[in-house]
C-alpha atoms as a PDB file:
ATOM      1  CA  MET A   1      -4.422  22.744  13.966  1.00  0.00           C
ATOM      2  CA  THR A   2      -2.853  21.891  17.295  1.00  0.00           C
ATOM      3  CA  VAL A   3       0.903  21.837  17.740  1.00  0.00           C
ATOM      4  CA  LYS A   4       0.550  19.378  20.615  1.00  0.00           C
ATOM      5  CA  LYS A   5      -0.513  16.573  18.281  1.00  0.00           C
ATOM      6  CA  ILE A   6       2.560  16.998  16.124  1.00  0.00           C
ATOM      7  CA  GLU A   7       4.908  17.228  19.093  1.00  0.00           C
ATOM      8  CA  GLU A   8       3.488  14.011  20.562  1.00  0.00           C
ATOM      9  CA  LEU A   9       4.000  12.083  17.326  1.00  0.00           C
ATOM     10  CA  MET A  10       7.503  13.533  16.937  1.00  0.00           C
ATOM     11  CA  LYS A  11       8.307  12.091  20.366  1.00  0.00           C
ATOM     12  CA  VAL A  12       6.911   8.705  19.327  1.00  0.00           C
ATOM     13  CA  LEU A  13       9.088   8.731  16.207  1.00  0.00           C
ATOM     14  CA  GLU A  14      12.120   9.913  18.158  1.00  0.00           C
ATOM     15  CA  ASP A  15      11.728   6.911  20.446  1.00  0.00           C
ATOM     16  CA  LEU A  16      11.950   4.799  17.286  1.00  0.00           C
ATOM     17  CA  GLY A  17      15.179   6.542  16.294  1.00  0.00           C
ATOM     18  CA  ILE A  18      13.615   8.929  13.757  1.00  0.00           C
ATOM     19  CA  LYS A  19      14.490  12.586  14.364  1.00  0.00           C
ATOM     20  CA  VAL A  20      11.942  14.741  12.538  1.00  0.00           C
ATOM     21  CA  LYS A  21      13.222  18.136  11.409  1.00  0.00           C
ATOM     22  CA  ASN A  22      10.556  19.319   8.965  1.00  0.00           C
ATOM     23  CA  VAL A  23       7.429  19.753  11.082  1.00  0.00           C
ATOM     24  CA  SER A  24       5.351  20.978   8.142  1.00  0.00           C
ATOM     25  CA  LEU A  25       5.912  17.730   6.235  1.00  0.00           C
ATOM     26  CA  LEU A  26       4.793  15.638   9.197  1.00  0.00           C
ATOM     27  CA  THR A  27       1.768  17.894   9.632  1.00  0.00           C
ATOM     28  CA  GLN A  28       0.847  17.407   5.983  1.00  0.00           C
ATOM     29  CA  ALA A  29       1.192  13.637   6.391  1.00  0.00           C
ATOM     30  CA  LEU A  30      -1.448  13.733   9.118  1.00  0.00           C
ATOM     31  CA  THR A  31      -3.867  15.998   7.240  1.00  0.00           C
ATOM     32  CA  HIS A  32      -6.790  14.195   5.636  1.00  0.00           C
ATOM     33  CA  PRO A  33      -8.337  15.727   2.468  1.00  0.00           C
ATOM     34  CA  THR A  34     -11.624  16.312   4.315  1.00  0.00           C
ATOM     35  CA  TYR A  35      -9.879  18.603   6.797  1.00  0.00           C
ATOM     36  CA  VAL A  36      -8.402  20.673   3.973  1.00  0.00           C
ATOM     37  CA  PHE A  37     -11.818  20.902   2.316  1.00  0.00           C
ATOM     38  CA  GLU A  38     -13.410  22.215   5.513  1.00  0.00           C
ATOM     39  CA  HIS A  39     -10.615  24.758   6.112  1.00  0.00           C
ATOM     40  CA  LYS A  40     -10.153  26.184   2.629  1.00  0.00           C
ATOM     41  CA  LYS A  41      -9.143  29.626   3.870  1.00  0.00           C
ATOM     42  CA  GLN A  42      -6.088  28.192   5.604  1.00  0.00           C
ATOM     43  CA  LYS A  43      -4.709  26.939   2.253  1.00  0.00           C
ATOM     44  CA  LEU A  44      -3.497  23.671   3.738  1.00  0.00           C
ATOM     45  CA  SER A  45      -2.045  20.651   1.922  1.00  0.00           C
ATOM     46  CA  HIS A  46      -3.503  17.184   2.426  1.00  0.00           C
ATOM     47  CA  ASN A  47      -1.528  13.960   2.623  1.00  0.00           C
ATOM     48  CA  GLN A  48      -2.327  12.267  -0.691  1.00  0.00           C
ATOM     49  CA  ARG A  49       0.911  13.265  -2.456  1.00  0.00           C
ATOM     50  CA  LEU A  50       2.964  12.058   0.510  1.00  0.00           C
ATOM     51  CA  GLU A  51       0.890   8.881   0.535  1.00  0.00           C
ATOM     52  CA  PHE A  52       1.820   8.305  -3.115  1.00  0.00           C
ATOM     53  CA  LEU A  53       5.510   8.799  -2.362  1.00  0.00           C
ATOM     54  CA  GLY A  54       5.407   6.688   0.779  1.00  0.00           C
ATOM     55  CA  ASP A  55       3.743   3.885  -1.141  1.00  0.00           C
ATOM     56  CA  ALA A  56       6.656   3.836  -3.593  1.00  0.00           C
ATOM     57  CA  VAL A  57       9.247   3.940  -0.798  1.00  0.00           C
ATOM     58  CA  LEU A  58       7.425   1.145   0.991  1.00  0.00           C
ATOM     59  CA  GLY A  59       7.502  -1.061  -2.118  1.00  0.00           C
ATOM     60  CA  LEU A  60      11.220  -0.436  -2.642  1.00  0.00           C
ATOM     61  CA  VAL A  61      12.268  -0.962   0.969  1.00  0.00           C
ATOM     62  CA  MET A  62      10.239  -4.108   1.542  1.00  0.00           C
ATOM     63  CA  GLY A  63      11.228  -5.487  -1.859  1.00  0.00           C
ATOM     64  CA  GLU A  64      14.902  -5.100  -0.952  1.00  0.00           C
ATOM     65  CA  TYR A  65      14.342  -6.447   2.561  1.00  0.00           C
ATOM     66  CA  LEU A  66      12.594  -9.592   1.329  1.00  0.00           C
ATOM     67  CA  TYR A  67      15.200 -10.089  -1.400  1.00  0.00           C
ATOM     68  CA  GLN A  68      17.989 -10.005   1.184  1.00  0.00           C
ATOM     69  CA  GLU A  69      16.219 -12.010   3.880  1.00  0.00           C
ATOM     70  CA  PHE A  70      14.990 -14.818   1.639  1.00  0.00           C
ATOM     71  CA  PRO A  71      17.738 -15.522  -0.936  1.00  0.00           C
ATOM     72  CA  ASN A  72      16.218 -18.875  -1.904  1.00  0.00           C
ATOM     73  CA  LYS A  73      12.679 -17.681  -2.503  1.00  0.00           C
ATOM     74  CA  PRO A  74      11.600 -17.395  -6.168  1.00  0.00           C
ATOM     75  CA  GLU A  75      10.274 -14.076  -7.420  1.00  0.00           C
ATOM     76  CA  GLY A  76       6.693 -15.337  -7.363  1.00  0.00           C
ATOM     77  CA  ASP A  77       6.841 -16.018  -3.637  1.00  0.00           C
ATOM     78  CA  LEU A  78       8.607 -12.711  -2.975  1.00  0.00           C
ATOM     79  CA  THR A  79       5.875 -10.881  -4.884  1.00  0.00           C
ATOM     80  CA  LYS A  80       3.148 -12.522  -2.808  1.00  0.00           C
ATOM     81  CA  MET A  81       5.057 -11.915   0.426  1.00  0.00           C
ATOM     82  CA  ARG A  82       5.488  -8.225  -0.342  1.00  0.00           C
ATOM     83  CA  ALA A  83       1.819  -7.899  -1.233  1.00  0.00           C
ATOM     84  CA  ALA A  84       0.869  -9.514   2.083  1.00  0.00           C
ATOM     85  CA  VAL A  85       3.178  -7.231   4.069  1.00  0.00           C
ATOM     86  CA  VAL A  86       2.108  -3.951   2.440  1.00  0.00           C
ATOM     87  CA  CYS A  87      -1.615  -4.662   2.168  1.00  0.00           C
ATOM     88  CA  GLU A  88      -4.099  -2.250   3.706  1.00  0.00           C
ATOM     89  CA  SER A  89      -4.858  -4.342   6.776  1.00  0.00           C
ATOM     90  CA  SER A  90      -1.164  -4.781   7.559  1.00  0.00           C
ATOM     91  CA  LEU A  91      -0.393  -1.066   7.272  1.00  0.00           C
ATOM     92  CA  ALA A  92      -3.492  -0.148   9.273  1.00  0.00           C
ATOM     93  CA  GLU A  93      -2.298  -2.487  12.021  1.00  0.00           C
ATOM     94  CA  GLN A  94       1.034  -0.658  12.143  1.00  0.00           C
ATOM     95  CA  ALA A  95      -0.730   2.707  12.161  1.00  0.00           C
ATOM     96  CA  LYS A  96      -2.790   1.547  15.137  1.00  0.00           C
ATOM     97  CA  ALA A  97       0.364   0.399  16.927  1.00  0.00           C
ATOM     98  CA  LEU A  98       1.707   3.950  16.527  1.00  0.00           C
ATOM     99  CA  ASN A  99      -1.704   5.381  17.501  1.00  0.00           C
ATOM    100  CA  LEU A 100      -1.709   7.438  14.300  1.00  0.00           C
ATOM    101  CA  GLY A 101      -5.473   7.819  14.414  1.00  0.00           C
ATOM    102  CA  LYS A 102      -5.098  10.020  17.474  1.00  0.00           C
ATOM    103  CA  TYR A 103      -2.899  12.494  15.608  1.00  0.00           C
ATOM    104  CA  LEU A 104      -4.873  12.837  12.375  1.00  0.00           C
ATOM    105  CA  PHE A 105      -6.538  16.067  11.286  1.00  0.00           C
ATOM    106  CA  LEU A 106      -9.932  15.014   9.945  1.00  0.00           C
ATOM    107  CA  GLY A 107     -12.971  16.818   8.601  1.00  0.00           C
ATOM    108  CA  ARG A 108     -16.021  16.739  10.839  1.00  0.00           C
ATOM    109  CA  GLY A 109     -17.864  14.202   8.701  1.00  0.00           C
ATOM    110  CA  GLU A 110     -14.895  11.868   8.570  1.00  0.00           C
ATOM    111  CA  GLU A 111     -14.435  12.241  12.313  1.00  0.00           C
ATOM    112  CA  LEU A 112     -18.067  11.412  13.087  1.00  0.00           C
ATOM    113  CA  SER A 113     -18.089   8.406  10.760  1.00  0.00           C
ATOM    114  CA  GLY A 114     -15.166   6.771  12.577  1.00  0.00           C
ATOM    115  CA  GLY A 115     -12.309   7.845  10.330  1.00  0.00           C
ATOM    116  CA  ARG A 116      -9.727   7.548  13.107  1.00  0.00           C
ATOM    117  CA  GLU A 117     -10.320   3.801  13.198  1.00  0.00           C
ATOM    118  CA  ARG A 118     -10.928   3.177   9.497  1.00  0.00           C
ATOM    119  CA  ASN A 119      -8.309   0.909   7.944  1.00  0.00           C
ATOM    120  CA  SER A 120      -8.134   2.811   4.658  1.00  0.00           C
ATOM    121  CA  VAL A 121      -7.528   6.141   6.403  1.00  0.00           C
ATOM    122  CA  LEU A 122      -4.939   4.667   8.749  1.00  0.00           C
ATOM    123  CA  ALA A 123      -3.061   2.812   6.006  1.00  0.00           C
ATOM    124  CA  ASP A 124      -2.951   5.990   3.910  1.00  0.00           C
ATOM    125  CA  ALA A 125      -1.640   7.931   6.911  1.00  0.00           C
ATOM    126  CA  PHE A 126       1.083   5.334   7.519  1.00  0.00           C
ATOM    127  CA  GLU A 127       2.227   5.669   3.910  1.00  0.00           C
ATOM    128  CA  ALA A 128       2.102   9.463   4.124  1.00  0.00           C
ATOM    129  CA  VAL A 129       4.223   9.467   7.292  1.00  0.00           C
ATOM    130  CA  THR A 130       6.673   7.162   5.491  1.00  0.00           C
ATOM    131  CA  GLY A 131       6.853   9.663   2.628  1.00  0.00           C
ATOM    132  CA  ALA A 132       7.452  12.513   5.066  1.00  0.00           C
ATOM    133  CA  ILE A 133      10.256  10.600   6.804  1.00  0.00           C
ATOM    134  CA  TYR A 134      11.863   9.833   3.455  1.00  0.00           C
ATOM    135  CA  LEU A 135      11.848  13.474   2.334  1.00  0.00           C
ATOM    136  CA  ASP A 136      12.884  14.832   5.715  1.00  0.00           C
ATOM    137  CA  CYS A 137      15.424  12.266   6.898  1.00  0.00           C
ATOM    138  CA  GLY A 138      16.432  10.256   3.833  1.00  0.00           C
ATOM    139  CA  LEU A 139      16.117   6.699   2.581  1.00  0.00           C
ATOM    140  CA  GLU A 140      18.105   5.081   5.395  1.00  0.00           C
ATOM    141  CA  ALA A 141      15.789   6.588   7.995  1.00  0.00           C
ATOM    142  CA  ALA A 142      12.775   5.394   6.023  1.00  0.00           C
ATOM    143  CA  LYS A 143      14.311   1.911   5.895  1.00  0.00           C
ATOM    144  CA  LYS A 144      14.891   1.961   9.626  1.00  0.00           C
ATOM    145  CA  PHE A 145      11.305   3.002  10.251  1.00  0.00           C
ATOM    146  CA  LEU A 146       9.710   0.482   7.884  1.00  0.00           C
ATOM    147  CA  VAL A 147      11.871  -2.527   8.676  1.00  0.00           C
ATOM    148  CA  GLY A 148      11.468  -1.783  12.357  1.00  0.00           C
ATOM    149  CA  ARG A 149       7.698  -1.750  11.992  1.00  0.00           C
ATOM    150  CA  LEU A 150       7.191  -4.509   9.426  1.00  0.00           C
ATOM    151  CA  SER A 151       9.920  -7.114  10.028  1.00  0.00           C
ATOM    152  CA  HIS A 152       7.719  -8.692  12.689  1.00  0.00           C
ATOM    153  CA  THR A 153       4.917  -8.953  10.129  1.00  0.00           C
ATOM    154  CA  VAL A 154       7.298 -10.732   7.750  1.00  0.00           C
ATOM    155  CA  LYS A 155       8.366 -13.194  10.436  1.00  0.00           C
ATOM    156  CA  ASN A 156       4.747 -14.061  11.141  1.00  0.00           C
ATOM    157  CA  LEU A 157       3.755 -14.751   7.548  1.00  0.00           C
ATOM    158  CA  ASP A 158       2.260 -18.154   6.898  1.00  0.00           C
ATOM    159  CA  PHE A 159       4.812 -19.402   4.379  1.00  0.00           C
ATOM    160  CA  THR A 160       2.486 -22.140   3.191  1.00  0.00           C
ATOM    161  CA  ASP A 161      -0.211 -19.694   2.130  1.00  0.00           C
ATOM    162  CA  PHE A 162       0.234 -15.975   1.488  1.00  0.00           C
ATOM    163  CA  GLY A 163      -3.186 -15.777  -0.142  1.00  0.00           C
ATOM    164  CA  ASP A 164      -3.589 -16.241  -3.889  1.00  0.00           C
ATOM    165  CA  TYR A 165      -2.441 -13.696  -6.454  1.00  0.00           C
ATOM    166  CA  LYS A 166      -6.010 -12.723  -7.355  1.00  0.00           C
ATOM    167  CA  THR A 167      -6.826 -11.933  -3.733  1.00  0.00           C
ATOM    168  CA  MET A 168      -3.648  -9.903  -3.301  1.00  0.00           C
ATOM    169  CA  LEU A 169      -4.276  -7.906  -6.464  1.00  0.00           C
ATOM    170  CA  GLN A 170      -7.926  -7.272  -5.645  1.00  0.00           C
ATOM    171  CA  GLU A 171      -7.054  -5.906  -2.214  1.00  0.00           C
ATOM    172  CA  LEU A 172      -4.337  -3.665  -3.607  1.00  0.00           C
ATOM    173  CA  VAL A 173      -6.538  -2.221  -6.366  1.00  0.00           C
ATOM    174  CA  GLN A 174      -9.462  -1.683  -4.006  1.00  0.00           C
ATOM    175  CA  LYS A 175      -7.201   0.565  -1.983  1.00  0.00           C
ATOM    176  CA  TYR A 176      -7.686   3.031  -4.845  1.00  0.00           C
ATOM    177  CA  ASP A 177     -11.101   2.047  -6.142  1.00  0.00           C
ATOM    178  CA  ASP A 178     -13.910  -0.060  -4.680  1.00  0.00           C
ATOM    179  CA  GLU A 179     -14.666  -1.307  -8.165  1.00  0.00           C
ATOM    180  CA  GLY A 180     -11.622  -3.594  -8.155  1.00  0.00           C
ATOM    181  CA  VAL A 181     -10.584  -5.776 -11.084  1.00  0.00           C
ATOM    182  CA  SER A 182     -12.225  -8.435 -13.238  1.00  0.00           C
ATOM    183  CA  TYR A 183     -10.969 -11.180 -15.532  1.00  0.00           C
ATOM    184  CA  THR A 184     -11.714 -12.254 -19.068  1.00  0.00           C
ATOM    185  CA  ILE A 185     -10.542 -15.158 -21.215  1.00  0.00           C
ATOM    186  CA  LEU A 186      -8.965 -13.604 -24.291  1.00  0.00           C
ATOM    187  CA  HIS A 187      -8.128 -16.789 -26.166  1.00  0.00           C
ATOM    188  CA  GLU A 188      -8.144 -20.565 -25.832  1.00  0.00           C
ATOM    189  CA  SER A 189      -6.395 -23.128 -27.965  1.00  0.00           C
ATOM    190  CA  GLY A 190      -5.422 -26.789 -28.146  1.00  0.00           C
ATOM    191  CA  PRO A 191      -7.385 -30.040 -27.979  1.00  0.00           C
ATOM    192  CA  ASP A 192      -9.863 -30.653 -25.163  1.00  0.00           C
ATOM    193  CA  HIS A 193      -7.408 -32.798 -23.193  1.00  0.00           C
ATOM    194  CA  GLN A 194      -4.628 -30.180 -23.410  1.00  0.00           C
ATOM    195  CA  LYS A 195      -6.278 -26.775 -23.489  1.00  0.00           C
ATOM    196  CA  SER A 196      -4.361 -23.523 -23.091  1.00  0.00           C
ATOM    197  CA  PHE A 197      -6.105 -20.362 -21.927  1.00  0.00           C
ATOM    198  CA  LEU A 198      -5.003 -16.736 -22.169  1.00  0.00           C
ATOM    199  CA  ALA A 199      -6.609 -14.561 -19.483  1.00  0.00           C
ATOM    200  CA  GLY A 200      -6.545 -10.807 -19.038  1.00  0.00           C
ATOM    201  CA  VAL A 201      -7.007  -8.876 -15.811  1.00  0.00           C
ATOM    202  CA  LEU A 202      -9.131  -5.782 -16.392  1.00  0.00           C
ATOM    203  CA  TYR A 203      -9.458  -2.519 -14.537  1.00  0.00           C
ATOM    204  CA  ARG A 204     -12.044  -0.078 -15.930  1.00  0.00           C
ATOM    205  CA  GLU A 205     -11.914  -1.892 -19.283  1.00  0.00           C
ATOM    206  CA  GLN A 206      -8.129  -1.539 -19.477  1.00  0.00           C
ATOM    207  CA  ILE A 207      -6.014  -4.717 -19.548  1.00  0.00           C
ATOM    208  CA  LEU A 208      -3.393  -4.504 -16.786  1.00  0.00           C
ATOM    209  CA  ALA A 209      -1.719  -7.822 -17.584  1.00  0.00           C
ATOM    210  CA  LYS A 210      -2.177 -11.229 -19.211  1.00  0.00           C
ATOM    211  CA  GLY A 211      -1.466 -14.788 -18.158  1.00  0.00           C
ATOM    212  CA  VAL A 212      -1.493 -18.282 -19.667  1.00  0.00           C
ATOM    213  CA  GLY A 213      -2.673 -21.477 -17.942  1.00  0.00           C
ATOM    214  CA  ASN A 214      -3.935 -24.984 -18.542  1.00  0.00           C
ATOM    215  CA  ASN A 215      -7.349 -23.972 -17.222  1.00  0.00           C
ATOM    216  CA  LYS A 216      -9.220 -20.701 -16.761  1.00  0.00           C
ATOM    217  CA  LYS A 217      -8.464 -20.442 -13.040  1.00  0.00           C
ATOM    218  CA  GLU A 218      -4.733 -20.935 -13.545  1.00  0.00           C
ATOM    219  CA  ALA A 219      -4.666 -18.406 -16.391  1.00  0.00           C
ATOM    220  CA  GLU A 220      -6.397 -15.805 -14.204  1.00  0.00           C
ATOM    221  CA  GLN A 221      -3.912 -16.431 -11.390  1.00  0.00           C
ATOM    222  CA  ARG A 222      -1.015 -15.961 -13.809  1.00  0.00           C
ATOM    223  CA  ALA A 223      -2.556 -12.723 -15.083  1.00  0.00           C
ATOM    224  CA  ALA A 224      -2.873 -11.430 -11.515  1.00  0.00           C
ATOM    225  CA  GLN A 225       0.721 -12.481 -10.811  1.00  0.00           C
ATOM    226  CA  ALA A 226       1.920 -10.572 -13.888  1.00  0.00           C
ATOM    227  CA  ALA A 227      -0.030  -7.498 -12.782  1.00  0.00           C
ATOM    228  CA  LEU A 228       1.597  -7.604  -9.344  1.00  0.00           C
ATOM    229  CA  LYS A 229       5.058  -7.936 -10.902  1.00  0.00           C
ATOM    230  CA  ASP A 230       4.369  -4.973 -13.174  1.00  0.00           C
ATOM    231  CA  ILE A 231       2.790  -2.923 -10.415  1.00  0.00           C
ATOM    232  CA  GLU A 232       5.009   0.155 -10.772  1.00  0.00           C
ATOM    233  CA  ASN A 233       4.047   0.575 -14.429  1.00  0.00           C
ATOM    234  CA  TRP A 234       0.304   0.855 -13.758  1.00  0.00           C
ATOM    235  CA  ARG A 235       0.217   2.127 -10.161  1.00  0.00           C
ATOM    236  CA  GLN A 236       0.105   5.749 -11.349  1.00  0.00           C
ATOM    237  CA  TYR A 237      -2.931   4.915 -13.489  1.00  0.00           C
ATOM    238  CA  LEU A 238      -4.731   3.693 -10.376  1.00  0.00           C
ATOM    239  CA  VAL A 239      -3.677   6.746  -8.382  1.00  0.00           C
ATOM    240  CA  GLU A 240      -5.029   9.064 -11.075  1.00  0.00           C
ATOM    241  CA  LYS A 241      -8.378   7.245 -10.932  1.00  0.00           C
ATOM    242  CA  LYS A 242      -8.605   7.484  -7.130  1.00  0.00           C
END
């Protein structure tokens, strides 16, 4: 592993006001699992644990930021806004702005298949770097880093359409598993002119959340909304399945 890569990224972060002290943590954040697999004798650590931590920090920081910045927005809108800001494509865009792909340690196969430009790899690396900053420099530094990178994304949100809850949930789940989620109608009641539907959102045959609506589409949207609100309770389940 080259020291030059790490030193270059440390300079980039320093220019953003983040003074990295723990070089090994930053190195781990840049180390893809395929690199570890191909260099078993070196007993390296890949970035998936830091990615997990960074993901949690990201949710907390952006949740607080949106709560403070938009005091009149209801929780449903805030949930959709946060999902739009922290989605894979958004994080990959920020990783590209930092040129993170250049600094990654990838296995040969991942390198040859275009891993340095792949959104999933870049988004994971951005979260891992966030986790490393949090552990090394503290929550305030992580806030400074994330708000500095993502506030512009927030300002450019289309406030008339953040994308529906089902789309947001599908994209988030597919970050962990290409299989995604599905929906089922668990129950329906009432006369034909005033039906009520209970929908469940399923992941690998497990119900993540339920929602009620006056039609099937609305019930599914409410189920997806409930799943997004309860994200912290089932996120670990998704991570374990990754």
